[in-house]
């Protein structure tokens, strides 16, 4: 499983000097299957699209979780990250097809939406 940190900067609104309380901000996590994002250009375009969606929706951009096979390890790591997110979270996918290798893409979508309380953000024009 590979996880690419999209936005390695510290969380905005947080006083790293220890004085102020952190600003609570929702995070947009991104998930993709490596088989459908084969090139570095594909990943870069995915990150750019996720960043644009995050800004438009008032989210902070979180990491991109890339599934290298059909094991579900990256998905489990994503779910763990979503559950630990204090300010709330949403999940972005290029399209529902990225869930097919895990089996039951509609069920995975429903689970992610239930965990986050937000609909999946689809960031590609591909169905």
C-alpha atoms as a PDB file:
ATOM      1  CA  UNK A   1       0.000   0.000   0.000  1.00  0.00           C
ATOM      2  CA  UNK A   2       1.266   3.441  -0.840  1.00  0.00           C
ATOM      3  CA  UNK A   3       0.067   6.604   0.776  1.00  0.00           C
ATOM      4  CA  UNK A   4       1.115   9.846  -0.814  1.00  0.00           C
ATOM      5  CA  UNK A   5       1.002  12.892   1.424  1.00  0.00           C
ATOM      6  CA  UNK A   6      -0.661  15.497  -0.747  1.00  0.00           C
ATOM      7  CA  UNK A   7      -0.360  18.410   1.601  1.00  0.00           C
ATOM      8  CA  UNK A   8       2.626  17.957   3.910  1.00  0.00           C
ATOM      9  CA  UNK A   9       2.210  21.424   5.396  1.00  0.00           C
ATOM     10  CA  UNK A  10       0.973  21.700   8.945  1.00  0.00           C
ATOM     11  CA  UNK A  11      -2.729  22.186   9.449  1.00  0.00           C
ATOM     12  CA  UNK A  12      -3.843  25.757   8.784  1.00  0.00           C
ATOM     13  CA  UNK A  13      -5.123  27.683  11.746  1.00  0.00           C
ATOM     14  CA  UNK A  14      -2.958  25.852  14.244  1.00  0.00           C
ATOM     15  CA  UNK A  15      -0.603  27.885  16.389  1.00  0.00           C
ATOM     16  CA  UNK A  16       2.435  25.658  16.487  1.00  0.00           C
ATOM     17  CA  UNK A  17       3.921  27.813  19.215  1.00  0.00           C
ATOM     18  CA  UNK A  18       1.529  26.198  21.669  1.00  0.00           C
ATOM     19  CA  UNK A  19      -0.617  29.256  22.396  1.00  0.00           C
ATOM     20  CA  UNK A  20      -3.926  28.999  20.556  1.00  0.00           C
ATOM     21  CA  UNK A  21      -6.397  26.208  20.079  1.00  0.00           C
ATOM     22  CA  UNK A  22      -6.270  24.516  16.662  1.00  0.00           C
ATOM     23  CA  UNK A  23      -8.899  25.579  14.151  1.00  0.00           C
ATOM     24  CA  UNK A  24     -11.227  22.678  13.434  1.00  0.00           C
ATOM     25  CA  UNK A  25     -11.310  22.029   9.723  1.00  0.00           C
ATOM     26  CA  UNK A  26     -12.773  19.176   7.708  1.00  0.00           C
ATOM     27  CA  UNK A  27     -10.378  17.036   5.703  1.00  0.00           C
ATOM     28  CA  UNK A  28     -10.873  15.692   2.204  1.00  0.00           C
ATOM     29  CA  UNK A  29      -9.081  12.360   1.857  1.00  0.00           C
ATOM     30  CA  UNK A  30      -8.530  10.840  -1.560  1.00  0.00           C
ATOM     31  CA  UNK A  31      -8.487   7.186  -2.593  1.00  0.00           C
ATOM     32  CA  UNK A  32      -7.448   5.619  -5.885  1.00  0.00           C
ATOM     33  CA  UNK A  33      -6.521   2.222  -7.239  1.00  0.00           C
ATOM     34  CA  UNK A  34      -3.059   2.031  -8.765  1.00  0.00           C
ATOM     35  CA  UNK A  35      -4.289  -0.014 -11.718  1.00  0.00           C
ATOM     36  CA  UNK A  36      -6.362   2.991 -12.824  1.00  0.00           C
ATOM     37  CA  UNK A  37      -3.698   5.631 -12.096  1.00  0.00           C
ATOM     38  CA  UNK A  38      -0.720   4.134 -13.837  1.00  0.00           C
ATOM     39  CA  UNK A  39       1.441   7.146 -14.464  1.00  0.00           C
ATOM     40  CA  UNK A  40       2.900   9.833 -12.284  1.00  0.00           C
ATOM     41  CA  UNK A  41       0.984  12.346 -14.422  1.00  0.00           C
ATOM     42  CA  UNK A  42      -2.291  10.563 -13.521  1.00  0.00           C
ATOM     43  CA  UNK A  43      -1.479  10.872  -9.815  1.00  0.00           C
ATOM     44  CA  UNK A  44      -0.472  14.511 -10.182  1.00  0.00           C
ATOM     45  CA  UNK A  45      -3.713  15.323 -12.021  1.00  0.00           C
ATOM     46  CA  UNK A  46      -5.677  13.466  -9.368  1.00  0.00           C
ATOM     47  CA  UNK A  47      -3.984  15.471  -6.621  1.00  0.00           C
ATOM     48  CA  UNK A  48      -4.645  18.746  -8.432  1.00  0.00           C
ATOM     49  CA  UNK A  49      -8.319  17.879  -8.904  1.00  0.00           C
ATOM     50  CA  UNK A  50      -8.643  16.824  -5.257  1.00  0.00           C
ATOM     51  CA  UNK A  51      -6.992  20.050  -4.128  1.00  0.00           C
ATOM     52  CA  UNK A  52      -9.401  22.130  -6.242  1.00  0.00           C
ATOM     53  CA  UNK A  53     -12.394  20.246  -4.787  1.00  0.00           C
ATOM     54  CA  UNK A  54     -11.073  20.658  -1.261  1.00  0.00           C
ATOM     55  CA  UNK A  55     -10.687  24.415  -1.683  1.00  0.00           C
ATOM     56  CA  UNK A  56     -14.102  24.778  -3.328  1.00  0.00           C
ATOM     57  CA  UNK A  57     -15.829  22.837  -0.549  1.00  0.00           C
ATOM     58  CA  UNK A  58     -13.924  24.415   2.348  1.00  0.00           C
ATOM     59  CA  UNK A  59     -11.905  21.329   3.207  1.00  0.00           C
ATOM     60  CA  UNK A  60      -8.265  20.850   4.026  1.00  0.00           C
ATOM     61  CA  UNK A  61      -6.646  18.365   1.648  1.00  0.00           C
ATOM     62  CA  UNK A  62      -5.521  15.164   3.329  1.00  0.00           C
ATOM     63  CA  UNK A  63      -3.386  12.343   1.990  1.00  0.00           C
ATOM     64  CA  UNK A  64      -4.004  10.298  -1.126  1.00  0.00           C
ATOM     65  CA  UNK A  65      -4.371   6.584  -0.396  1.00  0.00           C
ATOM     66  CA  UNK A  66      -3.338   4.425  -3.340  1.00  0.00           C
ATOM     67  CA  UNK A  67      -4.321   0.752  -3.386  1.00  0.00           C
ATOM     68  CA  UNK A  68      -1.562  -1.256  -5.051  1.00  0.00           C
ATOM     69  CA  UNK A  69      -3.527  -4.519  -5.282  1.00  0.00           C
ATOM     70  CA  UNK A  70      -6.909  -5.844  -4.204  1.00  0.00           C
ATOM     71  CA  UNK A  71      -5.933  -6.425  -0.566  1.00  0.00           C
ATOM     72  CA  UNK A  72      -7.836  -3.429   0.796  1.00  0.00           C
ATOM     73  CA  UNK A  73      -4.876  -2.279   2.917  1.00  0.00           C
ATOM     74  CA  UNK A  74      -4.992   1.280   1.614  1.00  0.00           C
ATOM     75  CA  UNK A  75      -8.775   1.338   2.120  1.00  0.00           C
ATOM     76  CA  UNK A  76      -8.363   0.174   5.721  1.00  0.00           C
ATOM     77  CA  UNK A  77      -5.772   2.882   6.334  1.00  0.00           C
ATOM     78  CA  UNK A  78      -8.154   5.439   4.806  1.00  0.00           C
ATOM     79  CA  UNK A  79     -11.000   4.260   7.042  1.00  0.00           C
ATOM     80  CA  UNK A  80      -8.741   4.481  10.095  1.00  0.00           C
ATOM     81  CA  UNK A  81      -7.745   8.034   9.128  1.00  0.00           C
ATOM     82  CA  UNK A  82     -11.377   9.045   8.603  1.00  0.00           C
ATOM     83  CA  UNK A  83     -12.362   7.685  12.007  1.00  0.00           C
ATOM     84  CA  UNK A  84      -9.524   9.582  13.714  1.00  0.00           C
ATOM     85  CA  UNK A  85     -10.317  12.901  12.019  1.00  0.00           C
ATOM     86  CA  UNK A  86     -11.542  15.363  14.639  1.00  0.00           C
ATOM     87  CA  UNK A  87     -12.968  18.082  12.391  1.00  0.00           C
ATOM     88  CA  UNK A  88     -14.885  15.748  10.104  1.00  0.00           C
ATOM     89  CA  UNK A  89     -13.930  14.228   6.791  1.00  0.00           C
ATOM     90  CA  UNK A  90     -15.041  13.387   3.300  1.00  0.00           C
ATOM     91  CA  UNK A  91     -13.563  11.061   0.704  1.00  0.00           C
ATOM     92  CA  UNK A  92     -12.768  11.867  -2.908  1.00  0.00           C
ATOM     93  CA  UNK A  93     -12.464   9.293  -5.686  1.00  0.00           C
ATOM     94  CA  UNK A  94     -11.686   9.830  -9.354  1.00  0.00           C
ATOM     95  CA  UNK A  95     -14.774   7.671 -10.055  1.00  0.00           C
ATOM     96  CA  UNK A  96     -16.578   4.663  -8.554  1.00  0.00           C
ATOM     97  CA  UNK A  97     -14.509   2.318 -10.730  1.00  0.00           C
ATOM     98  CA  UNK A  98     -11.622   2.697  -8.297  1.00  0.00           C
ATOM     99  CA  UNK A  99     -13.646   0.645  -5.798  1.00  0.00           C
ATOM    100  CA  UNK A 100     -14.338  -2.253  -8.200  1.00  0.00           C
ATOM    101  CA  UNK A 101     -11.111  -4.180  -7.415  1.00  0.00           C
ATOM    102  CA  UNK A 102     -12.242  -4.391  -3.779  1.00  0.00           C
ATOM    103  CA  UNK A 103     -15.612  -5.868  -4.802  1.00  0.00           C
ATOM    104  CA  UNK A 104     -19.019  -4.288  -4.241  1.00  0.00           C
ATOM    105  CA  UNK A 105     -18.251  -0.696  -5.269  1.00  0.00           C
ATOM    106  CA  UNK A 106     -21.703   0.605  -4.306  1.00  0.00           C
ATOM    107  CA  UNK A 107     -21.379  -1.008  -0.883  1.00  0.00           C
ATOM    108  CA  UNK A 108     -17.933   0.555  -0.375  1.00  0.00           C
ATOM    109  CA  UNK A 109     -19.325   3.919  -1.406  1.00  0.00           C
ATOM    110  CA  UNK A 110     -22.211   3.546   1.038  1.00  0.00           C
ATOM    111  CA  UNK A 111     -19.849   2.553   3.862  1.00  0.00           C
ATOM    112  CA  UNK A 112     -17.564   5.540   3.271  1.00  0.00           C
ATOM    113  CA  UNK A 113     -20.527   7.900   3.130  1.00  0.00           C
ATOM    114  CA  UNK A 114     -21.906   6.491   6.368  1.00  0.00           C
ATOM    115  CA  UNK A 115     -18.533   6.804   8.111  1.00  0.00           C
ATOM    116  CA  UNK A 116     -17.991  10.404   7.014  1.00  0.00           C
ATOM    117  CA  UNK A 117     -21.577  11.613   6.972  1.00  0.00           C
ATOM    118  CA  UNK A 118     -20.874  13.158   3.534  1.00  0.00           C
ATOM    119  CA  UNK A 119     -21.376  11.940  -0.024  1.00  0.00           C
ATOM    120  CA  UNK A 120     -18.334  10.739  -1.940  1.00  0.00           C
ATOM    121  CA  UNK A 121     -16.738  13.518  -3.970  1.00  0.00           C
ATOM    122  CA  UNK A 122     -16.153  12.281  -7.525  1.00  0.00           C
ATOM    123  CA  UNK A 123     -13.381  14.303  -9.123  1.00  0.00           C
ATOM    124  CA  UNK A 124     -13.166  12.854 -12.617  1.00  0.00           C
ATOM    125  CA  UNK A 125     -15.433  13.155 -15.619  1.00  0.00           C
ATOM    126  CA  UNK A 126     -15.005   9.421 -16.258  1.00  0.00           C
ATOM    127  CA  UNK A 127     -18.069   7.469 -15.038  1.00  0.00           C
END
